[in-house]
C-alpha atoms as a PDB file:
ATOM      1  CA  UNK A   1      58.582  -5.454  57.608  1.00  0.00           C
ATOM      2  CA  UNK A   2      56.158  -3.140  60.256  1.00  0.00           C
ATOM      3  CA  UNK A   3      53.097  -2.458  58.249  1.00  0.00           C
ATOM      4  CA  UNK A   4      52.957  -5.720  56.559  1.00  0.00           C
ATOM      5  CA  UNK A   5      50.641  -8.336  56.240  1.00  0.00           C
ATOM      6  CA  UNK A   6      50.142 -11.943  56.382  1.00  0.00           C
ATOM      7  CA  UNK A   7      49.908 -12.322  52.556  1.00  0.00           C
ATOM      8  CA  UNK A   8      53.562 -11.124  52.858  1.00  0.00           C
ATOM      9  CA  UNK A   9      55.110 -14.543  54.432  1.00  0.00           C
ATOM     10  CA  UNK A  10      53.176 -16.780  51.633  1.00  0.00           C
ATOM     11  CA  UNK A  11      54.800 -17.867  48.022  1.00  0.00           C
ATOM     12  CA  UNK A  12      54.087 -16.428  44.782  1.00  0.00           C
ATOM     13  CA  UNK A  13      53.882 -19.475  43.019  1.00  0.00           C
ATOM     14  CA  UNK A  14      50.848 -19.992  46.100  1.00  0.00           C
ATOM     15  CA  UNK A  15      48.727 -17.588  44.316  1.00  0.00           C
ATOM     16  CA  UNK A  16      50.576 -16.572  40.542  1.00  0.00           C
ATOM     17  CA  UNK A  17      48.677 -19.168  38.972  1.00  0.00           C
ATOM     18  CA  UNK A  18      44.837 -17.191  40.474  1.00  0.00           C
ATOM     19  CA  UNK A  19      45.664 -14.272  39.630  1.00  0.00           C
ATOM     20  CA  UNK A  20      46.242 -15.707  35.555  1.00  0.00           C
ATOM     21  CA  UNK A  21      42.968 -17.212  35.902  1.00  0.00           C
ATOM     22  CA  UNK A  22      40.639 -16.139  38.110  1.00  0.00           C
ATOM     23  CA  UNK A  23      41.642 -12.505  37.423  1.00  0.00           C
ATOM     24  CA  UNK A  24      43.741 -11.882  33.936  1.00  0.00           C
ATOM     25  CA  UNK A  25      46.568 -10.911  35.557  1.00  0.00           C
ATOM     26  CA  UNK A  26      50.148 -12.166  35.605  1.00  0.00           C
ATOM     27  CA  UNK A  27      52.126 -11.336  38.232  1.00  0.00           C
ATOM     28  CA  UNK A  28      55.827  -9.657  36.971  1.00  0.00           C
ATOM     29  CA  UNK A  29      58.201 -11.396  38.606  1.00  0.00           C
ATOM     30  CA  UNK A  30      59.970  -8.775  40.570  1.00  0.00           C
ATOM     31  CA  UNK A  31      56.924  -8.549  42.430  1.00  0.00           C
ATOM     32  CA  UNK A  32      57.263  -9.925  45.635  1.00  0.00           C
ATOM     33  CA  UNK A  33      59.393  -8.475  48.106  1.00  0.00           C
ATOM     34  CA  UNK A  34      59.239  -4.710  48.066  1.00  0.00           C
ATOM     35  CA  UNK A  35      58.525  -2.686  51.039  1.00  0.00           C
ATOM     36  CA  UNK A  36      54.930  -2.465  50.060  1.00  0.00           C
ATOM     37  CA  UNK A  37      52.806  -4.559  52.021  1.00  0.00           C
ATOM     38  CA  UNK A  38      51.158  -7.025  49.887  1.00  0.00           C
ATOM     39  CA  UNK A  39      47.740  -5.519  49.565  1.00  0.00           C
ATOM     40  CA  UNK A  40      49.823  -2.674  47.328  1.00  0.00           C
ATOM     41  CA  UNK A  41      51.799  -4.806  45.536  1.00  0.00           C
ATOM     42  CA  UNK A  42      48.578  -5.924  44.068  1.00  0.00           C
ATOM     43  CA  UNK A  43      46.789  -2.702  43.218  1.00  0.00           C
ATOM     44  CA  UNK A  44      49.435  -1.696  41.609  1.00  0.00           C
ATOM     45  CA  UNK A  45      49.361  -5.531  39.134  1.00  0.00           C
ATOM     46  CA  UNK A  46      46.126  -5.373  39.099  1.00  0.00           C
ATOM     47  CA  UNK A  47      46.347  -1.183  38.023  1.00  0.00           C
ATOM     48  CA  UNK A  48      49.377  -1.863  35.569  1.00  0.00           C
ATOM     49  CA  UNK A  49      46.981  -4.998  34.210  1.00  0.00           C
ATOM     50  CA  UNK A  50      44.048  -2.622  33.548  1.00  0.00           C
ATOM     51  CA  UNK A  51      42.253  -4.594  36.154  1.00  0.00           C
ATOM     52  CA  UNK A  52      39.714  -3.205  38.466  1.00  0.00           C
ATOM     53  CA  UNK A  53      41.451  -2.754  42.115  1.00  0.00           C
ATOM     54  CA  UNK A  54      39.035  -2.248  45.277  1.00  0.00           C
ATOM     55  CA  UNK A  55      38.053  -3.402  48.768  1.00  0.00           C
ATOM     56  CA  UNK A  56      35.714  -6.520  47.597  1.00  0.00           C
ATOM     57  CA  UNK A  57      38.844  -7.442  44.972  1.00  0.00           C
ATOM     58  CA  UNK A  58      40.708  -7.150  47.317  1.00  0.00           C
ATOM     59  CA  UNK A  59      38.856  -9.345  49.528  1.00  0.00           C
ATOM     60  CA  UNK A  60      37.763 -11.883  47.842  1.00  0.00           C
ATOM     61  CA  UNK A  61      41.353 -12.475  46.612  1.00  0.00           C
ATOM     62  CA  UNK A  62      41.838 -12.266  50.134  1.00  0.00           C
ATOM     63  CA  UNK A  63      40.142 -15.397  50.653  1.00  0.00           C
ATOM     64  CA  UNK A  64      40.754 -17.250  48.016  1.00  0.00           C
ATOM     65  CA  UNK A  65      44.385 -17.237  48.966  1.00  0.00           C
ATOM     66  CA  UNK A  66      43.861 -18.900  51.951  1.00  0.00           C
ATOM     67  CA  UNK A  67      41.806 -21.962  50.695  1.00  0.00           C
ATOM     68  CA  UNK A  68      44.877 -21.875  49.242  1.00  0.00           C
ATOM     69  CA  UNK A  69      47.408 -22.050  51.771  1.00  0.00           C
ATOM     70  CA  UNK A  70      44.822 -24.230  54.525  1.00  0.00           C
ATOM     71  CA  UNK A  71      45.349 -26.605  50.885  1.00  0.00           C
ATOM     72  CA  UNK A  72      49.234 -26.539  50.769  1.00  0.00           C
ATOM     73  CA  UNK A  73      50.001 -25.468  54.499  1.00  0.00           C
ATOM     74  CA  UNK A  74      53.941 -26.737  54.392  1.00  0.00           C
ATOM     75  CA  UNK A  75      55.006 -25.199  50.555  1.00  0.00           C
ATOM     76  CA  UNK A  76      52.477 -21.854  51.154  1.00  0.00           C
ATOM     77  CA  UNK A  77      55.634 -20.027  53.353  1.00  0.00           C
ATOM     78  CA  UNK A  78      58.668 -19.250  51.721  1.00  0.00           C
ATOM     79  CA  UNK A  79      61.235 -20.199  52.635  1.00  0.00           C
ATOM     80  CA  UNK A  80      63.003 -16.808  52.983  1.00  0.00           C
ATOM     81  CA  UNK A  81      59.730 -15.172  55.197  1.00  0.00           C
ATOM     82  CA  UNK A  82      59.296 -17.656  57.511  1.00  0.00           C
ATOM     83  CA  UNK A  83      61.177 -16.669  59.903  1.00  0.00           C
ATOM     84  CA  UNK A  84      58.250 -14.620  61.616  1.00  0.00           C
ATOM     85  CA  UNK A  85      56.746 -17.942  61.843  1.00  0.00           C
ATOM     86  CA  UNK A  86      59.285 -19.849  63.433  1.00  0.00           C
ATOM     87  CA  UNK A  87      59.387 -17.138  66.079  1.00  0.00           C
ATOM     88  CA  UNK A  88      55.865 -17.155  66.740  1.00  0.00           C
ATOM     89  CA  UNK A  89      56.150 -21.503  67.098  1.00  0.00           C
ATOM     90  CA  UNK A  90      58.692 -21.144  69.538  1.00  0.00           C
ATOM     91  CA  UNK A  91      56.723 -18.776  71.646  1.00  0.00           C
ATOM     92  CA  UNK A  92      54.306 -20.486  71.841  1.00  0.00           C
ATOM     93  CA  UNK A  93      55.784 -23.873  72.407  1.00  0.00           C
ATOM     94  CA  UNK A  94      57.989 -22.340  75.014  1.00  0.00           C
ATOM     95  CA  UNK A  95      54.499 -20.634  76.514  1.00  0.00           C
ATOM     96  CA  UNK A  96      52.681 -24.156  77.281  1.00  0.00           C
ATOM     97  CA  UNK A  97      55.412 -24.934  78.569  1.00  0.00           C
ATOM     98  CA  UNK A  98      55.700 -23.573  80.989  1.00  0.00           C
ATOM     99  CA  UNK A  99      52.497 -23.445  81.600  1.00  0.00           C
ATOM    100  CA  UNK A 100      52.368 -27.312  81.564  1.00  0.00           C
ATOM    101  CA  UNK A 101      54.902 -27.393  84.882  1.00  0.00           C
END
């Protein structure tokens, strides 16, 4: 997706419990992987649950998710969405190898 966010790469398991416990929002099973940016999906989920959504809420939620990712990076990325991360790693490795020659 051309216009996407880092959270679009994450497994929903990484933040589903956080949404429930911290915001009282249940993440529907069909939420992930529509052709809509993650923050737009979250806005819809919050609105459907009757919960407020704002730039402040979005920033706070992104921060909390980033903290979870930092604690468990090995399970953060959805296996079906890891292509961009693997491509970045390969590109960086190639550049490092080229620079060290």
